[in-house]
Amino acid sequence: MAPSAVLKLACVLLACMVAAAPVARAAVTCGQVTGALSPCIPYARGSSGPVPASCCNGIRSLNSAAQTTPDRQTACKCLKSASGSISGLNYGVVAGLPGKCGVNIPYKISPSTNCDSVK
């Protein structure tokens, strides 16, 4: 092969490698978020008593799964979307759930949270 053909082939291969490089994408799905947090809904609507263990387990599991910025942003957006379709939620109770389960999340759970700013 002529040197210019080898150079062109190398450039094409390099372009293909760059185009095929993995892009940071969220591994957390909305199905995972809603599934993990569905046991929290009755409590978030105002049920009295302790936070259900299944709710705290879901919060801890989701927090463990959302380790990257895209994962946390996806979880935030899913929370906002899902919470808008559930009637009777007490957002004060919702915002306090992670703390009651011993989990620290890097943003406030609220309909006004800007999920794009979550890191």
N, C-alpha and C. Protein backbone atom coordinates (compact mmCIF):
# COMPACT_ATOMS: atom_id res chain seq x y z
N MET A 1 0.84 -1.17 0.00
CA MET A 1 0.00 0.00 0.00
C MET A 1 0.89 1.23 0.00
N ALA A 2 0.48 2.25 -0.70
CA ALA A 2 1.23 3.50 -0.75
C ALA A 2 1.11 4.20 0.60
N PRO A 3 2.15 4.98 0.97
CA PRO A 3 2.12 5.67 2.27
C PRO A 3 0.89 6.55 2.45
N SER A 4 0.40 7.20 1.41
CA SER A 4 -0.77 8.07 1.56
C SER A 4 -2.03 7.23 1.82
N ALA A 5 -2.10 6.05 1.24
CA ALA A 5 -3.25 5.17 1.48
C ALA A 5 -3.25 4.66 2.91
N VAL A 6 -2.07 4.36 3.44
CA VAL A 6 -1.96 3.91 4.83
C VAL A 6 -2.38 5.02 5.77
N LEU A 7 -1.95 6.25 5.47
CA LEU A 7 -2.31 7.40 6.29
C LEU A 7 -3.83 7.62 6.26
N LYS A 8 -4.43 7.51 5.09
CA LYS A 8 -5.88 7.68 4.97
C LYS A 8 -6.62 6.58 5.75
N LEU A 9 -6.14 5.36 5.64
CA LEU A 9 -6.75 4.25 6.37
C LEU A 9 -6.65 4.47 7.87
N ALA A 10 -5.50 4.93 8.33
CA ALA A 10 -5.30 5.20 9.76
C ALA A 10 -6.25 6.30 10.24
N CYS A 11 -6.43 7.33 9.41
CA CYS A 11 -7.34 8.42 9.78
C CYS A 11 -8.79 7.93 9.87
N VAL A 12 -9.18 7.08 8.90
CA VAL A 12 -10.53 6.53 8.92
C VAL A 12 -10.74 5.66 10.16
N LEU A 13 -9.76 4.82 10.49
CA LEU A 13 -9.86 3.98 11.68
C LEU A 13 -9.94 4.82 12.94
N LEU A 14 -9.14 5.88 13.02
CA LEU A 14 -9.16 6.76 14.18
C LEU A 14 -10.53 7.44 14.30
N ALA A 15 -11.08 7.90 13.18
CA ALA A 15 -12.40 8.53 13.19
C ALA A 15 -13.47 7.55 13.67
N CYS A 16 -13.37 6.30 13.22
CA CYS A 16 -14.33 5.28 13.66
C CYS A 16 -14.22 5.01 15.15
N MET A 17 -13.00 4.98 15.67
CA MET A 17 -12.79 4.74 17.09
C MET A 17 -13.36 5.88 17.92
N VAL A 18 -13.17 7.12 17.47
CA VAL A 18 -13.71 8.27 18.20
C VAL A 18 -15.23 8.24 18.16
N ALA A 19 -15.79 7.94 17.00
CA ALA A 19 -17.25 7.91 16.87
C ALA A 19 -17.87 6.79 17.70
N ALA A 20 -17.15 5.70 17.88
CA ALA A 20 -17.68 4.56 18.63
C ALA A 20 -17.35 4.63 20.11
N ALA A 21 -16.61 5.64 20.54
CA ALA A 21 -16.23 5.75 21.95
C ALA A 21 -17.48 5.88 22.80
N PRO A 22 -17.48 5.27 23.99
CA PRO A 22 -18.67 5.34 24.84
C PRO A 22 -18.93 6.77 25.31
N VAL A 23 -20.19 7.11 25.34
CA VAL A 23 -20.62 8.40 25.82
C VAL A 23 -21.18 8.19 27.22
N ALA A 24 -20.97 9.16 28.10
CA ALA A 24 -21.49 9.04 29.46
C ALA A 24 -23.01 9.02 29.41
N ARG A 25 -23.58 7.90 29.74
CA ARG A 25 -25.03 7.75 29.75
C ARG A 25 -25.44 7.21 31.11
N ALA A 26 -26.64 7.54 31.47
CA ALA A 26 -27.15 7.09 32.76
C ALA A 26 -27.47 5.60 32.70
N ALA A 27 -27.05 4.90 33.73
CA ALA A 27 -27.37 3.48 33.84
C ALA A 27 -28.67 3.29 34.62
N VAL A 28 -29.06 4.31 35.36
CA VAL A 28 -30.29 4.26 36.15
C VAL A 28 -31.47 4.57 35.22
N THR A 29 -32.52 3.78 35.32
CA THR A 29 -33.71 3.99 34.48
C THR A 29 -34.88 4.49 35.33
N CYS A 30 -35.85 5.09 34.67
CA CYS A 30 -37.04 5.55 35.40
C CYS A 30 -37.80 4.37 35.99
N GLY A 31 -37.79 3.24 35.32
CA GLY A 31 -38.43 2.05 35.87
C GLY A 31 -37.78 1.62 37.16
N GLN A 32 -36.46 1.71 37.21
CA GLN A 32 -35.72 1.37 38.42
C GLN A 32 -36.06 2.35 39.54
N VAL A 33 -36.15 3.64 39.21
CA VAL A 33 -36.46 4.67 40.21
C VAL A 33 -37.86 4.44 40.77
N THR A 34 -38.84 4.30 39.90
CA THR A 34 -40.21 4.14 40.39
C THR A 34 -40.40 2.83 41.13
N GLY A 35 -39.76 1.78 40.65
CA GLY A 35 -39.85 0.49 41.34
C GLY A 35 -39.25 0.54 42.73
N ALA A 36 -38.11 1.21 42.85
CA ALA A 36 -37.43 1.29 44.14
C ALA A 36 -38.21 2.14 45.14
N LEU A 37 -38.88 3.17 44.63
CA LEU A 37 -39.52 4.13 45.54
C LEU A 37 -41.02 3.95 45.70
N SER A 38 -41.62 3.03 44.96
CA SER A 38 -43.07 2.84 45.09
C SER A 38 -43.51 2.46 46.51
N PRO A 39 -42.70 1.74 47.30
CA PRO A 39 -43.13 1.45 48.67
C PRO A 39 -43.20 2.70 49.56
N CYS A 40 -42.66 3.82 49.06
CA CYS A 40 -42.67 5.07 49.84
C CYS A 40 -43.94 5.88 49.65
N ILE A 41 -44.73 5.56 48.63
CA ILE A 41 -45.88 6.40 48.27
C ILE A 41 -46.89 6.54 49.41
N PRO A 42 -47.34 5.46 50.04
CA PRO A 42 -48.32 5.65 51.12
C PRO A 42 -47.78 6.55 52.24
N TYR A 43 -46.54 6.36 52.60
CA TYR A 43 -45.94 7.20 53.65
C TYR A 43 -45.87 8.65 53.18
N ALA A 44 -45.50 8.87 51.93
CA ALA A 44 -45.35 10.23 51.39
C ALA A 44 -46.69 10.94 51.23
N ARG A 45 -47.76 10.18 51.29
CA ARG A 45 -49.10 10.79 51.23
C ARG A 45 -49.59 11.16 52.62
N GLY A 46 -48.80 10.89 53.62
CA GLY A 46 -49.16 11.34 54.95
C GLY A 46 -49.41 10.26 55.96
N SER A 47 -49.07 9.02 55.65
CA SER A 47 -49.25 7.96 56.64
C SER A 47 -48.40 8.24 57.87
N SER A 48 -48.95 7.89 59.01
CA SER A 48 -48.20 8.11 60.24
C SER A 48 -47.38 6.85 60.55
N GLY A 49 -46.53 6.98 61.53
CA GLY A 49 -45.71 5.84 61.92
C GLY A 49 -44.34 5.91 61.30
N PRO A 50 -43.58 4.85 61.50
CA PRO A 50 -42.22 4.84 60.97
C PRO A 50 -42.21 4.66 59.45
N VAL A 51 -41.12 5.10 58.83
CA VAL A 51 -40.94 4.91 57.39
C VAL A 51 -40.83 3.39 57.15
N PRO A 52 -41.59 2.86 56.21
CA PRO A 52 -41.51 1.42 55.94
C PRO A 52 -40.09 0.98 55.55
N ALA A 53 -39.69 -0.16 56.04
CA ALA A 53 -38.35 -0.68 55.73
C ALA A 53 -38.16 -0.84 54.23
N SER A 54 -39.22 -1.24 53.53
CA SER A 54 -39.12 -1.43 52.08
C SER A 54 -38.85 -0.10 51.37
N CYS A 55 -39.37 0.99 51.92
CA CYS A 55 -39.13 2.32 51.37
C CYS A 55 -37.65 2.69 51.55
N CYS A 56 -37.15 2.52 52.77
CA CYS A 56 -35.73 2.83 53.04
C CYS A 56 -34.81 1.94 52.22
N ASN A 57 -35.17 0.68 52.06
CA ASN A 57 -34.35 -0.22 51.24
C ASN A 57 -34.29 0.28 49.80
N GLY A 58 -35.42 0.75 49.29
CA GLY A 58 -35.47 1.29 47.93
C GLY A 58 -34.64 2.55 47.78
N ILE A 59 -34.71 3.43 48.78
CA ILE A 59 -33.92 4.66 48.76
C ILE A 59 -32.43 4.34 48.79
N ARG A 60 -32.05 3.41 49.66
CA ARG A 60 -30.62 3.03 49.75
C ARG A 60 -30.15 2.37 48.46
N SER A 61 -30.97 1.52 47.90
CA SER A 61 -30.62 0.83 46.67
C SER A 61 -30.45 1.81 45.51
N LEU A 62 -31.37 2.76 45.40
CA LEU A 62 -31.30 3.75 44.34
C LEU A 62 -30.09 4.66 44.54
N ASN A 63 -29.81 5.05 45.77
CA ASN A 63 -28.65 5.89 46.05
C ASN A 63 -27.36 5.16 45.68
N SER A 64 -27.30 3.87 45.94
CA SER A 64 -26.11 3.09 45.57
C SER A 64 -25.97 2.97 44.06
N ALA A 65 -27.08 2.88 43.36
CA ALA A 65 -27.04 2.72 41.91
C ALA A 65 -26.69 4.02 41.20
N ALA A 66 -27.06 5.15 41.78
CA ALA A 66 -26.85 6.45 41.13
C ALA A 66 -25.53 7.07 41.58
N GLN A 67 -24.44 6.55 41.05
CA GLN A 67 -23.11 7.00 41.48
C GLN A 67 -22.49 8.05 40.56
N THR A 68 -22.99 8.19 39.35
CA THR A 68 -22.43 9.17 38.42
C THR A 68 -23.37 10.36 38.28
N THR A 69 -22.85 11.46 37.76
CA THR A 69 -23.69 12.64 37.53
C THR A 69 -24.87 12.31 36.61
N PRO A 70 -24.65 11.64 35.46
CA PRO A 70 -25.81 11.30 34.62
C PRO A 70 -26.84 10.43 35.35
N ASP A 71 -26.38 9.51 36.19
CA ASP A 71 -27.31 8.67 36.96
C ASP A 71 -28.13 9.52 37.93
N ARG A 72 -27.47 10.42 38.64
CA ARG A 72 -28.19 11.27 39.60
C ARG A 72 -29.16 12.21 38.90
N GLN A 73 -28.76 12.74 37.74
CA GLN A 73 -29.66 13.62 36.99
C GLN A 73 -30.87 12.84 36.47
N THR A 74 -30.64 11.63 36.01
CA THR A 74 -31.75 10.79 35.55
C THR A 74 -32.70 10.47 36.70
N ALA A 75 -32.13 10.08 37.84
CA ALA A 75 -32.97 9.78 39.01
C ALA A 75 -33.79 11.00 39.40
N CYS A 76 -33.17 12.17 39.40
CA CYS A 76 -33.87 13.41 39.74
C CYS A 76 -35.02 13.67 38.78
N LYS A 77 -34.75 13.56 37.48
CA LYS A 77 -35.79 13.81 36.48
C LYS A 77 -36.92 12.79 36.60
N CYS A 78 -36.58 11.56 36.86
CA CYS A 78 -37.61 10.52 37.03
C CYS A 78 -38.47 10.80 38.26
N LEU A 79 -37.81 11.22 39.35
CA LEU A 79 -38.54 11.56 40.58
C LEU A 79 -39.53 12.69 40.31
N LYS A 80 -39.05 13.72 39.63
CA LYS A 80 -39.93 14.87 39.33
C LYS A 80 -41.10 14.45 38.45
N SER A 81 -40.82 13.66 37.44
CA SER A 81 -41.86 13.22 36.52
C SER A 81 -42.89 12.34 37.23
N ALA A 82 -42.40 11.38 37.98
CA ALA A 82 -43.30 10.46 38.68
C ALA A 82 -44.12 11.17 39.75
N SER A 83 -43.47 12.06 40.48
CA SER A 83 -44.19 12.72 41.57
C SER A 83 -45.31 13.61 41.05
N GLY A 84 -45.15 14.13 39.84
CA GLY A 84 -46.20 14.96 39.26
C GLY A 84 -47.45 14.18 38.91
N SER A 85 -47.31 12.86 38.78
CA SER A 85 -48.47 12.05 38.41
C SER A 85 -49.10 11.32 39.61
N ILE A 86 -48.57 11.57 40.80
CA ILE A 86 -49.11 10.92 42.00
C ILE A 86 -49.82 11.97 42.84
N SER A 87 -51.11 11.80 43.02
CA SER A 87 -51.87 12.79 43.78
C SER A 87 -51.66 12.61 45.28
N GLY A 88 -51.75 13.71 45.98
CA GLY A 88 -51.73 13.68 47.44
C GLY A 88 -50.36 13.59 48.09
N LEU A 89 -49.28 13.76 47.33
CA LEU A 89 -47.95 13.69 47.95
C LEU A 89 -47.70 14.92 48.80
N ASN A 90 -47.10 14.70 49.94
CA ASN A 90 -46.66 15.78 50.82
C ASN A 90 -45.17 15.97 50.55
N TYR A 91 -44.83 17.04 49.82
CA TYR A 91 -43.44 17.22 49.40
C TYR A 91 -42.49 17.47 50.57
N GLY A 92 -43.02 17.96 51.68
CA GLY A 92 -42.19 18.10 52.88
C GLY A 92 -41.77 16.73 53.41
N VAL A 93 -42.72 15.80 53.40
CA VAL A 93 -42.43 14.42 53.83
C VAL A 93 -41.47 13.76 52.83
N VAL A 94 -41.74 13.96 51.54
CA VAL A 94 -40.89 13.37 50.50
C VAL A 94 -39.45 13.84 50.65
N ALA A 95 -39.25 15.14 50.85
CA ALA A 95 -37.90 15.70 50.97
C ALA A 95 -37.17 15.14 52.19
N GLY A 96 -37.91 14.78 53.24
CA GLY A 96 -37.28 14.27 54.46
C GLY A 96 -37.01 12.77 54.45
N LEU A 97 -37.54 12.05 53.47
CA LEU A 97 -37.39 10.59 53.45
C LEU A 97 -35.93 10.11 53.42
N PRO A 98 -35.08 10.65 52.56
CA PRO A 98 -33.69 10.15 52.55
C PRO A 98 -33.02 10.26 53.93
N GLY A 99 -33.18 11.39 54.58
CA GLY A 99 -32.58 11.57 55.91
C GLY A 99 -33.13 10.60 56.94
N LYS A 100 -34.44 10.33 56.88
CA LYS A 100 -35.04 9.38 57.82
C LYS A 100 -34.54 7.96 57.58
N CYS A 101 -34.05 7.72 56.36
CA CYS A 101 -33.52 6.39 56.02
C CYS A 101 -32.00 6.34 56.14
N GLY A 102 -31.40 7.43 56.65
CA GLY A 102 -29.95 7.46 56.83
C GLY A 102 -29.17 7.63 55.53
N VAL A 103 -29.80 8.25 54.53
CA VAL A 103 -29.16 8.45 53.23
C VAL A 103 -29.01 9.95 52.98
N ASN A 104 -27.85 10.34 52.51
CA ASN A 104 -27.60 11.73 52.16
C ASN A 104 -27.54 11.83 50.64
N ILE A 105 -28.47 12.58 50.06
CA ILE A 105 -28.44 12.76 48.61
C ILE A 105 -28.00 14.19 48.31
N PRO A 106 -27.35 14.41 47.17
CA PRO A 106 -26.74 15.72 46.88
C PRO A 106 -27.70 16.78 46.33
N TYR A 107 -28.99 16.60 46.48
CA TYR A 107 -29.95 17.61 46.03
C TYR A 107 -31.24 17.46 46.82
N LYS A 108 -32.03 18.53 46.83
CA LYS A 108 -33.32 18.52 47.51
C LYS A 108 -34.36 17.90 46.60
N ILE A 109 -35.16 17.01 47.13
CA ILE A 109 -36.24 16.42 46.35
C ILE A 109 -37.41 17.40 46.39
N SER A 110 -37.65 18.02 45.25
CA SER A 110 -38.69 19.04 45.17
C SER A 110 -39.10 19.21 43.71
N PRO A 111 -40.36 19.59 43.47
CA PRO A 111 -40.77 19.84 42.09
C PRO A 111 -40.00 20.99 41.44
N SER A 112 -39.39 21.85 42.26
CA SER A 112 -38.66 23.00 41.71
C SER A 112 -37.17 22.72 41.52
N THR A 113 -36.70 21.53 41.84
CA THR A 113 -35.27 21.21 41.69
C THR A 113 -34.89 21.23 40.21
N ASN A 114 -33.77 21.89 39.89
CA ASN A 114 -33.24 21.89 38.54
C ASN A 114 -32.32 20.67 38.41
N CYS A 115 -32.83 19.63 37.82
CA CYS A 115 -32.09 18.36 37.74
C CYS A 115 -30.81 18.47 36.91
N ASP A 116 -30.78 19.42 35.98
CA ASP A 116 -29.57 19.59 35.18
C ASP A 116 -28.40 20.14 36.00
N SER A 117 -28.69 20.72 37.17
CA SER A 117 -27.62 21.25 38.01
C SER A 117 -27.15 20.23 39.04
N VAL A 118 -27.81 19.07 39.10
CA VAL A 118 -27.40 18.02 40.03
C VAL A 118 -26.07 17.44 39.57
N LYS A 119 -25.14 17.34 40.49
CA LYS A 119 -23.80 16.80 40.15
C LYS A 119 -23.60 15.47 40.75
